[in-house]
Amino acid sequence: MSTLQEKNKAVVQKYFEEYWGKGNVDIVDEVCADNFVIDYPMHGPRRGKEAAKKMLLDFREAFPNLSFHAYKFPLIAEGEYVVGRWIGGGKHTGREFDDLPVGKLDKPNTGREVYFSGTTIFTLEDGKIVDEIGEEQALVALQQLGLVSPPNRGKEIKYDPEGNHI
């Protein structure tokens, strides 16, 4: 018999692989509650399933190869909470993009690449995700996009091909 934590981790794993990994926004209807809230500093809070779908669809129109995956650590669950660490990004080869806290990519296809990691806390109720609250390396992403000053020499954030921070 599966524990509540195991069931919740399975829901989050499925959601994360489909939504963030494959860009399948239909998974939101299956595993998220009607009052679902997704909130990352780079995008701000989005309330409801349709707002969450639109956020990712817009993001992927600007970054068509956008993808995120689990990073190094297993999902951790306690009661109604599941926490996961991730890494991902993509290349700006699509439309202009202004869903950012600072600046905007006001021209399509800049070719800028963005790769960053983060940690997300999911809250579940009755087997459905109600909250996805995350912290990502927003400063790193904005630097990579050329929207804020680059890091001091030697302080650049870099990853190897396996996604390990080097």
Protein backbone atom coordinates (compact mmCIF):
# COMPACT_ATOMS: atom_id res chain seq x y z
CA MET A 1 0.00 0.00 0.00
CA SER A 2 1.37 3.41 -0.94
CA THR A 3 1.74 6.10 1.65
CA LEU A 4 0.34 9.62 1.18
CA GLN A 5 3.89 10.85 0.57
CA GLU A 6 4.53 8.23 -2.14
CA LYS A 7 1.24 9.08 -3.87
CA ASN A 8 1.97 12.82 -3.73
CA LYS A 9 5.49 12.31 -5.09
CA ALA A 10 4.07 10.27 -7.99
CA VAL A 11 1.63 13.08 -8.85
CA VAL A 12 4.38 15.72 -8.75
CA GLN A 13 6.77 13.52 -10.76
CA LYS A 14 4.15 13.01 -13.48
CA TYR A 15 3.25 16.70 -13.55
CA PHE A 16 6.86 17.85 -13.66
CA GLU A 17 7.88 15.44 -16.43
CA GLU A 18 4.86 16.31 -18.57
CA TYR A 19 4.40 20.05 -17.91
CA TRP A 20 7.97 21.31 -17.51
CA GLY A 21 9.80 18.48 -19.28
CA LYS A 22 7.61 17.94 -22.35
CA GLY A 23 5.53 21.12 -22.43
CA ASN A 24 2.28 19.15 -22.14
CA VAL A 25 -0.09 21.71 -20.60
CA ASP A 26 -3.03 19.25 -20.67
CA ILE A 27 -1.52 17.52 -17.62
CA VAL A 28 -2.68 20.53 -15.57
CA ASP A 29 -6.30 19.40 -16.00
CA GLU A 30 -5.44 15.94 -14.74
CA VAL A 31 -3.27 16.58 -11.68
CA CYS A 32 -3.97 20.16 -10.55
CA ALA A 33 -6.87 21.51 -8.50
CA ASP A 34 -9.22 24.10 -9.97
CA ASN A 35 -7.75 26.73 -7.62
CA PHE A 36 -4.17 25.87 -8.66
CA VAL A 37 -1.57 28.63 -8.17
CA ILE A 38 1.85 28.58 -9.83
CA ASP A 39 4.32 31.21 -8.62
CA TYR A 40 7.93 31.79 -9.66
CA PRO A 41 9.77 35.13 -9.28
CA MET A 42 10.53 35.23 -13.04
CA HIS A 43 6.82 35.15 -13.90
CA GLY A 44 4.83 36.12 -10.81
CA PRO A 45 1.77 34.27 -9.54
CA ARG A 46 -0.70 32.72 -11.99
CA ARG A 47 -4.03 31.66 -10.55
CA GLY A 48 -6.08 28.89 -12.12
CA LYS A 49 -5.40 26.15 -14.62
CA GLU A 50 -5.82 28.28 -17.73
CA ALA A 51 -3.35 30.92 -16.46
CA ALA A 52 -0.78 28.18 -15.73
CA LYS A 53 -1.22 26.74 -19.21
CA LYS A 54 -0.88 30.14 -20.85
CA MET A 55 2.29 30.92 -18.92
CA LEU A 56 4.08 27.82 -20.21
CA LEU A 57 2.70 28.12 -23.75
CA ASP A 58 3.92 31.73 -23.97
CA PHE A 59 7.31 30.74 -22.52
CA ARG A 60 7.66 27.92 -25.06
CA GLU A 61 6.67 30.19 -27.97
CA ALA A 62 9.74 32.27 -27.15
CA PHE A 63 11.96 29.31 -26.17
CA PRO A 64 10.69 26.36 -28.28
CA ASN A 65 13.27 23.89 -26.92
CA LEU A 66 12.56 24.85 -23.29
CA SER A 67 12.82 21.89 -20.95
CA PHE A 68 13.39 21.27 -17.27
CA HIS A 69 14.23 18.08 -15.40
CA ALA A 70 14.98 16.82 -11.91
CA TYR A 71 18.45 17.72 -10.68
CA LYS A 72 20.59 15.38 -8.56
CA PHE A 73 18.26 14.97 -5.59
CA PRO A 74 15.13 12.84 -5.14
CA LEU A 75 11.77 14.40 -4.42
CA ILE A 76 11.24 14.91 -0.70
CA ALA A 77 7.75 14.58 0.76
CA GLU A 78 6.23 15.34 4.12
CA GLY A 79 2.48 15.28 4.58
CA GLU A 80 0.87 17.45 1.88
CA TYR A 81 4.19 18.93 0.70
CA VAL A 82 6.61 17.72 -1.97
CA VAL A 83 9.92 19.49 -2.64
CA GLY A 84 12.07 19.06 -5.70
CA ARG A 85 15.25 20.50 -7.19
CA TRP A 86 15.46 21.05 -10.94
CA ILE A 87 17.57 22.44 -13.77
CA GLY A 88 16.68 23.50 -17.27
CA GLY A 89 16.35 26.21 -19.84
CA GLY A 90 16.42 26.72 -23.56
CA LYS A 91 17.35 28.96 -26.47
CA HIS A 92 15.41 32.04 -27.54
CA THR A 93 14.58 31.18 -31.15
CA GLY A 94 10.91 32.17 -31.06
CA ARG A 95 8.86 35.31 -30.60
CA GLU A 96 9.70 38.33 -28.45
CA PHE A 97 9.22 37.76 -24.71
CA ASP A 98 8.38 40.18 -21.94
CA ASP A 99 7.12 37.96 -19.11
CA LEU A 100 10.12 38.90 -16.97
CA PRO A 101 10.60 40.99 -13.82
CA VAL A 102 13.33 43.08 -15.48
CA GLY A 103 13.63 44.04 -19.14
CA LYS A 104 12.32 42.15 -22.13
CA LEU A 105 13.44 40.42 -25.27
CA ASP A 106 11.82 42.88 -27.64
CA LYS A 107 13.02 41.14 -30.80
CA PRO A 108 12.32 37.55 -31.84
CA ASN A 109 15.04 34.93 -32.17
CA THR A 110 17.88 36.57 -30.26
CA GLY A 111 19.65 33.20 -29.99
CA ARG A 112 20.36 33.82 -26.30
CA GLU A 113 20.53 30.69 -24.20
CA VAL A 114 19.36 30.51 -20.62
CA TYR A 115 20.09 27.65 -18.21
CA PHE A 116 19.37 27.83 -14.49
CA SER A 117 18.25 25.74 -11.55
CA GLY A 118 15.73 26.10 -8.78
CA THR A 119 13.78 24.51 -5.97
CA THR A 120 10.02 24.13 -5.88
CA ILE A 121 7.58 23.33 -3.08
CA PHE A 122 4.33 21.70 -4.17
CA THR A 123 1.27 21.56 -1.92
CA LEU A 124 -1.29 18.84 -2.60
CA GLU A 125 -4.83 18.34 -1.35
CA ASP A 126 -6.81 15.19 -2.09
CA GLY A 127 -4.19 14.04 -4.62
CA LYS A 128 -4.23 17.30 -6.62
CA ILE A 129 -1.59 20.04 -6.77
CA VAL A 130 -2.95 23.30 -5.36
CA ASP A 131 0.28 25.31 -5.10
CA GLU A 132 3.58 25.28 -6.99
CA ILE A 133 5.82 27.85 -5.36
CA GLY A 134 9.40 28.03 -6.56
CA GLU A 135 12.64 29.91 -6.31
CA GLU A 136 14.81 29.92 -9.37
CA GLN A 137 18.09 31.53 -10.27
CA ALA A 138 16.31 34.56 -11.71
CA LEU A 139 19.43 36.73 -11.55
CA VAL A 140 21.43 34.13 -13.48
CA ALA A 141 18.70 33.82 -16.13
CA LEU A 142 18.41 37.60 -16.54
CA GLN A 143 22.20 37.88 -16.85
CA GLN A 144 22.27 35.16 -19.50
CA LEU A 145 19.56 36.98 -21.43
CA GLY A 146 21.60 40.19 -21.28
CA LEU A 147 18.91 42.06 -19.35
CA VAL A 148 21.03 42.81 -16.28
CA SER A 149 24.76 43.26 -15.81
CA PRO A 150 26.78 40.07 -16.21
CA PRO A 151 28.45 38.47 -13.18
CA ASN A 152 31.90 39.50 -12.11
CA ARG A 153 34.66 37.62 -13.91
CA GLY A 154 35.05 34.16 -12.44
CA LYS A 155 31.58 34.19 -10.84
CA GLU A 156 29.68 32.87 -13.87
CA ILE A 157 27.24 30.02 -13.26
CA LYS A 158 28.10 27.08 -15.51
CA TYR A 159 26.83 23.52 -15.89
CA ASP A 160 28.40 20.45 -17.46
CA PRO A 161 26.48 18.34 -20.04
CA GLU A 162 24.90 16.24 -17.27
CA GLY A 163 23.56 19.34 -15.54
CA ASN A 164 26.07 19.45 -12.71
CA HIS A 165 26.98 22.88 -11.44
CA ILE A 166 30.71 23.37 -12.16
